[in-house]
Amino acid sequence: MIKKAIRMKVYADKHEEYKKRHDEIWPELEQSIKEHGCKSYSIWLDEENNLLFAYLEIEDEDRWGQLSKTAINQKWWMYMKDVMETNEDDSPVTLSLNNVFNI
């Protein structure tokens, strides 16, 4: 199992909307995430700094990387671009975090 952590940023006035959209995640997106080898995916919000911390456990980097090419994932990105920082292709601006400690 590969453990990944990333940081993203939500707009200050969009915290509730971000949570609402994830509470109502599309079933076909959730299925696609699982089909691309994700066994666990959690996101936390640092409300003071508008930062999102995501933790994922995936089976394979290449398989996981294919998710971004799916129509459902790209549709989700377009849906989310008004609540968070995004790149020109509507993907979230992300920063991969390095694991420095485990117990």
N, C-alpha and C. Protein backbone atom coordinates (compact mmCIF):
# COMPACT_ATOMS: atom_id res chain seq x y z
N MET A 1 0.84 -1.17 0.00
CA MET A 1 0.00 0.00 0.00
C MET A 1 0.89 1.24 0.00
N ILE A 2 0.55 2.19 -0.84
CA ILE A 2 1.28 3.45 -0.94
C ILE A 2 0.49 4.52 -0.20
N LYS A 3 1.15 5.21 0.72
CA LYS A 3 0.52 6.29 1.47
C LYS A 3 0.90 7.61 0.84
N LYS A 4 -0.10 8.48 0.63
CA LYS A 4 0.13 9.79 0.02
C LYS A 4 -0.54 10.85 0.87
N ALA A 5 0.07 12.01 0.93
CA ALA A 5 -0.53 13.16 1.60
C ALA A 5 -0.34 14.37 0.70
N ILE A 6 -1.39 15.15 0.56
CA ILE A 6 -1.30 16.36 -0.27
C ILE A 6 -1.99 17.51 0.44
N ARG A 7 -1.59 18.71 0.05
CA ARG A 7 -2.19 19.93 0.58
C ARG A 7 -2.86 20.66 -0.58
N MET A 8 -4.03 21.20 -0.31
CA MET A 8 -4.76 22.02 -1.28
C MET A 8 -5.28 23.24 -0.53
N LYS A 9 -5.94 24.14 -1.24
CA LYS A 9 -6.46 25.34 -0.58
C LYS A 9 -7.88 25.62 -1.05
N VAL A 10 -8.76 25.82 -0.06
CA VAL A 10 -10.15 26.18 -0.31
C VAL A 10 -10.31 27.68 -0.07
N TYR A 11 -11.20 28.32 -0.81
CA TYR A 11 -11.42 29.75 -0.60
C TYR A 11 -12.07 29.98 0.77
N ALA A 12 -11.69 31.08 1.41
CA ALA A 12 -12.10 31.37 2.79
C ALA A 12 -13.62 31.35 2.97
N ASP A 13 -14.34 31.81 2.00
CA ASP A 13 -15.80 31.88 2.13
C ASP A 13 -16.51 30.64 1.59
N LYS A 14 -15.76 29.59 1.29
CA LYS A 14 -16.34 28.39 0.67
C LYS A 14 -16.18 27.11 1.50
N HIS A 15 -15.82 27.24 2.76
CA HIS A 15 -15.61 26.06 3.61
C HIS A 15 -16.86 25.17 3.65
N GLU A 16 -18.00 25.77 3.94
CA GLU A 16 -19.24 25.00 4.06
C GLU A 16 -19.62 24.35 2.73
N GLU A 17 -19.47 25.09 1.65
CA GLU A 17 -19.82 24.55 0.33
C GLU A 17 -18.89 23.39 -0.04
N TYR A 18 -17.62 23.53 0.27
CA TYR A 18 -16.66 22.45 -0.01
C TYR A 18 -17.09 21.18 0.72
N LYS A 19 -17.40 21.31 2.00
CA LYS A 19 -17.83 20.15 2.79
C LYS A 19 -19.13 19.57 2.24
N LYS A 20 -20.09 20.43 1.92
CA LYS A 20 -21.37 19.97 1.39
C LYS A 20 -21.18 19.15 0.12
N ARG A 21 -20.36 19.63 -0.78
CA ARG A 21 -20.15 18.90 -2.03
C ARG A 21 -19.51 17.54 -1.80
N HIS A 22 -18.62 17.45 -0.81
CA HIS A 22 -18.01 16.17 -0.52
C HIS A 22 -18.97 15.25 0.26
N ASP A 23 -19.83 15.83 1.06
CA ASP A 23 -20.86 15.02 1.74
C ASP A 23 -21.79 14.39 0.71
N GLU A 24 -21.94 15.05 -0.43
CA GLU A 24 -22.84 14.59 -1.49
C GLU A 24 -22.05 14.08 -2.71
N ILE A 25 -20.87 13.52 -2.47
CA ILE A 25 -20.01 13.08 -3.57
C ILE A 25 -20.81 12.18 -4.52
N TRP A 26 -20.57 12.36 -5.79
CA TRP A 26 -21.28 11.57 -6.80
C TRP A 26 -20.88 10.10 -6.68
N PRO A 27 -21.85 9.20 -6.65
CA PRO A 27 -21.53 7.77 -6.54
C PRO A 27 -20.60 7.28 -7.66
N GLU A 28 -20.77 7.80 -8.87
CA GLU A 28 -19.91 7.34 -9.97
C GLU A 28 -18.47 7.83 -9.80
N LEU A 29 -18.27 8.97 -9.14
CA LEU A 29 -16.92 9.43 -8.84
C LEU A 29 -16.29 8.56 -7.76
N GLU A 30 -17.05 8.29 -6.72
CA GLU A 30 -16.54 7.43 -5.65
C GLU A 30 -16.16 6.06 -6.20
N GLN A 31 -16.99 5.51 -7.08
CA GLN A 31 -16.69 4.21 -7.68
C GLN A 31 -15.41 4.27 -8.51
N SER A 32 -15.25 5.35 -9.27
CA SER A 32 -14.06 5.51 -10.11
C SER A 32 -12.79 5.62 -9.26
N ILE A 33 -12.88 6.34 -8.15
CA ILE A 33 -11.75 6.46 -7.23
C ILE A 33 -11.34 5.08 -6.74
N LYS A 34 -12.31 4.27 -6.35
CA LYS A 34 -12.02 2.92 -5.87
C LYS A 34 -11.46 2.05 -6.99
N GLU A 35 -12.04 2.17 -8.18
CA GLU A 35 -11.57 1.37 -9.32
C GLU A 35 -10.13 1.71 -9.71
N HIS A 36 -9.68 2.90 -9.36
CA HIS A 36 -8.31 3.30 -9.66
C HIS A 36 -7.35 3.02 -8.50
N GLY A 37 -7.78 2.13 -7.60
CA GLY A 37 -6.88 1.59 -6.59
C GLY A 37 -6.79 2.35 -5.28
N CYS A 38 -7.73 3.25 -5.03
CA CYS A 38 -7.70 3.99 -3.76
C CYS A 38 -8.48 3.19 -2.71
N LYS A 39 -7.79 2.86 -1.64
CA LYS A 39 -8.41 2.09 -0.56
C LYS A 39 -8.91 2.97 0.58
N SER A 40 -8.36 4.16 0.69
CA SER A 40 -8.75 5.09 1.75
C SER A 40 -8.44 6.51 1.28
N TYR A 41 -9.36 7.43 1.54
CA TYR A 41 -9.16 8.83 1.12
C TYR A 41 -9.87 9.71 2.14
N SER A 42 -9.12 10.52 2.84
CA SER A 42 -9.67 11.44 3.84
C SER A 42 -9.14 12.84 3.58
N ILE A 43 -9.99 13.83 3.85
CA ILE A 43 -9.58 15.23 3.71
C ILE A 43 -9.95 15.97 4.99
N TRP A 44 -9.00 16.76 5.51
CA TRP A 44 -9.23 17.60 6.68
C TRP A 44 -9.08 19.06 6.27
N LEU A 45 -9.79 19.94 6.98
CA LEU A 45 -9.74 21.37 6.71
C LEU A 45 -9.11 22.11 7.89
N ASP A 46 -8.11 22.91 7.60
CA ASP A 46 -7.54 23.87 8.56
C ASP A 46 -8.26 25.18 8.30
N GLU A 47 -9.29 25.46 9.07
CA GLU A 47 -10.15 26.62 8.83
C GLU A 47 -9.41 27.95 8.98
N GLU A 48 -8.42 27.98 9.85
CA GLU A 48 -7.68 29.22 10.09
C GLU A 48 -6.87 29.64 8.86
N ASN A 49 -6.33 28.67 8.14
CA ASN A 49 -5.47 28.96 6.99
C ASN A 49 -6.08 28.58 5.65
N ASN A 50 -7.31 28.07 5.66
CA ASN A 50 -8.02 27.64 4.44
C ASN A 50 -7.30 26.52 3.71
N LEU A 51 -6.55 25.73 4.45
CA LEU A 51 -5.79 24.65 3.85
C LEU A 51 -6.51 23.31 4.02
N LEU A 52 -6.43 22.50 2.99
CA LEU A 52 -6.97 21.16 3.01
C LEU A 52 -5.80 20.18 3.07
N PHE A 53 -5.92 19.18 3.91
CA PHE A 53 -4.92 18.13 4.00
C PHE A 53 -5.61 16.83 3.60
N ALA A 54 -5.11 16.18 2.57
CA ALA A 54 -5.68 14.92 2.12
C ALA A 54 -4.70 13.79 2.36
N TYR A 55 -5.23 12.68 2.85
CA TYR A 55 -4.44 11.47 3.07
C TYR A 55 -5.08 10.34 2.28
N LEU A 56 -4.26 9.67 1.46
CA LEU A 56 -4.75 8.59 0.61
C LEU A 56 -3.90 7.35 0.77
N GLU A 57 -4.52 6.22 0.61
CA GLU A 57 -3.81 4.95 0.50
C GLU A 57 -4.21 4.34 -0.83
N ILE A 58 -3.21 4.15 -1.70
CA ILE A 58 -3.46 3.64 -3.04
C ILE A 58 -2.65 2.38 -3.29
N GLU A 59 -3.06 1.62 -4.29
CA GLU A 59 -2.36 0.39 -4.62
C GLU A 59 -1.19 0.61 -5.56
N ASP A 60 -1.32 1.55 -6.49
CA ASP A 60 -0.32 1.71 -7.54
C ASP A 60 -0.36 3.15 -8.07
N GLU A 61 0.79 3.78 -8.18
CA GLU A 61 0.87 5.18 -8.65
C GLU A 61 0.35 5.34 -10.08
N ASP A 62 0.73 4.43 -10.97
CA ASP A 62 0.32 4.55 -12.37
C ASP A 62 -1.19 4.41 -12.51
N ARG A 63 -1.75 3.42 -11.83
CA ARG A 63 -3.21 3.22 -11.86
C ARG A 63 -3.92 4.44 -11.29
N TRP A 64 -3.44 4.95 -10.18
CA TRP A 64 -4.03 6.14 -9.56
C TRP A 64 -3.93 7.34 -10.50
N GLY A 65 -2.82 7.48 -11.17
CA GLY A 65 -2.60 8.59 -12.09
C GLY A 65 -3.58 8.61 -13.25
N GLN A 66 -4.13 7.47 -13.60
CA GLN A 66 -5.10 7.39 -14.71
C GLN A 66 -6.45 8.01 -14.35
N LEU A 67 -6.73 8.14 -13.06
CA LEU A 67 -8.00 8.73 -12.63
C LEU A 67 -8.19 10.13 -13.20
N SER A 68 -7.12 10.91 -13.23
CA SER A 68 -7.22 12.30 -13.69
C SER A 68 -7.66 12.40 -15.15
N LYS A 69 -7.54 11.33 -15.91
CA LYS A 69 -7.91 11.33 -17.32
C LYS A 69 -9.36 10.94 -17.56
N THR A 70 -10.06 10.53 -16.51
CA THR A 70 -11.44 10.09 -16.68
C THR A 70 -12.39 11.28 -16.80
N ALA A 71 -13.46 11.09 -17.54
CA ALA A 71 -14.45 12.15 -17.74
C ALA A 71 -15.10 12.55 -16.41
N ILE A 72 -15.39 11.58 -15.54
CA ILE A 72 -16.06 11.90 -14.28
C ILE A 72 -15.15 12.72 -13.38
N ASN A 73 -13.86 12.43 -13.37
CA ASN A 73 -12.93 13.20 -12.55
C ASN A 73 -12.79 14.62 -13.08
N GLN A 74 -12.71 14.77 -14.38
CA GLN A 74 -12.59 16.11 -14.97
C GLN A 74 -13.87 16.92 -14.76
N LYS A 75 -15.01 16.23 -14.78
CA LYS A 75 -16.28 16.91 -14.48
C LYS A 75 -16.29 17.40 -13.03
N TRP A 76 -15.75 16.59 -12.10
CA TRP A 76 -15.66 16.98 -10.68
C TRP A 76 -14.76 18.20 -10.52
N TRP A 77 -13.62 18.17 -11.20
CA TRP A 77 -12.72 19.32 -11.12
C TRP A 77 -13.44 20.60 -11.55
N MET A 78 -14.18 20.54 -12.65
CA MET A 78 -14.89 21.72 -13.13
C MET A 78 -15.93 22.18 -12.10
N TYR A 79 -16.59 21.22 -11.48
CA TYR A 79 -17.60 21.49 -10.46
C TYR A 79 -16.97 22.16 -9.23
N MET A 80 -15.74 21.80 -8.91
CA MET A 80 -15.09 22.30 -7.69
C MET A 80 -14.28 23.58 -7.89
N LYS A 81 -14.05 24.00 -9.11
CA LYS A 81 -13.11 25.11 -9.34
C LYS A 81 -13.57 26.44 -8.75
N ASP A 82 -14.84 26.60 -8.44
CA ASP A 82 -15.30 27.86 -7.86
C ASP A 82 -15.14 27.91 -6.34
N VAL A 83 -14.71 26.79 -5.73
CA VAL A 83 -14.55 26.78 -4.27
C VAL A 83 -13.11 26.59 -3.80
N MET A 84 -12.19 26.35 -4.75
CA MET A 84 -10.81 26.10 -4.35
C MET A 84 -9.83 26.55 -5.42
N GLU A 85 -8.58 26.68 -5.03
CA GLU A 85 -7.54 27.06 -5.99
C GLU A 85 -7.34 25.94 -6.99
N THR A 86 -7.31 26.31 -8.28
CA THR A 86 -7.16 25.31 -9.34
C THR A 86 -6.14 25.76 -10.38
N ASN A 87 -5.67 24.78 -11.13
CA ASN A 87 -4.77 25.03 -12.25
C ASN A 87 -5.59 25.36 -13.50
N GLU A 88 -4.91 25.67 -14.59
CA GLU A 88 -5.59 26.01 -15.84
C GLU A 88 -6.48 24.88 -16.36
N ASP A 89 -6.13 23.63 -16.06
CA ASP A 89 -6.94 22.49 -16.51
C ASP A 89 -8.05 22.14 -15.52
N ASP A 90 -8.32 23.02 -14.55
CA ASP A 90 -9.32 22.87 -13.50
C ASP A 90 -8.93 21.90 -12.39
N SER A 91 -7.78 21.24 -12.49
CA SER A 91 -7.33 20.36 -11.42
C SER A 91 -6.97 21.20 -10.20
N PRO A 92 -7.15 20.66 -9.00
CA PRO A 92 -6.77 21.41 -7.81
C PRO A 92 -5.27 21.67 -7.77
N VAL A 93 -4.91 22.84 -7.30
CA VAL A 93 -3.49 23.10 -7.04
C VAL A 93 -3.13 22.24 -5.83
N THR A 94 -2.14 21.38 -5.99
CA THR A 94 -1.76 20.48 -4.91
C THR A 94 -0.28 20.56 -4.63
N LEU A 95 0.06 20.27 -3.41
CA LEU A 95 1.44 20.16 -2.99
C LEU A 95 1.58 18.82 -2.29
N SER A 96 2.42 17.96 -2.83
CA SER A 96 2.66 16.65 -2.19
C SER A 96 3.49 16.87 -0.93
N LEU A 97 3.10 16.19 0.12
CA LEU A 97 3.80 16.31 1.40
C LEU A 97 4.67 15.08 1.61
N ASN A 98 5.83 15.29 2.18
CA ASN A 98 6.75 14.19 2.47
C ASN A 98 6.49 13.63 3.85
N ASN A 99 6.45 12.33 3.94
CA ASN A 99 6.28 11.65 5.21
C ASN A 99 7.59 11.72 5.98
N VAL A 100 7.54 12.22 7.20
CA VAL A 100 8.77 12.35 7.99
C VAL A 100 8.71 11.58 9.31
N PHE A 101 7.56 10.98 9.63
CA PHE A 101 7.48 10.27 10.90
C PHE A 101 6.29 9.29 10.87
N ASN A 102 6.50 8.11 11.44
CA ASN A 102 5.44 7.10 11.59
C ASN A 102 5.64 6.36 12.90
N ILE A 103 4.55 5.93 13.47
CA ILE A 103 4.59 4.97 14.59
C ILE A 103 3.74 3.79 14.15
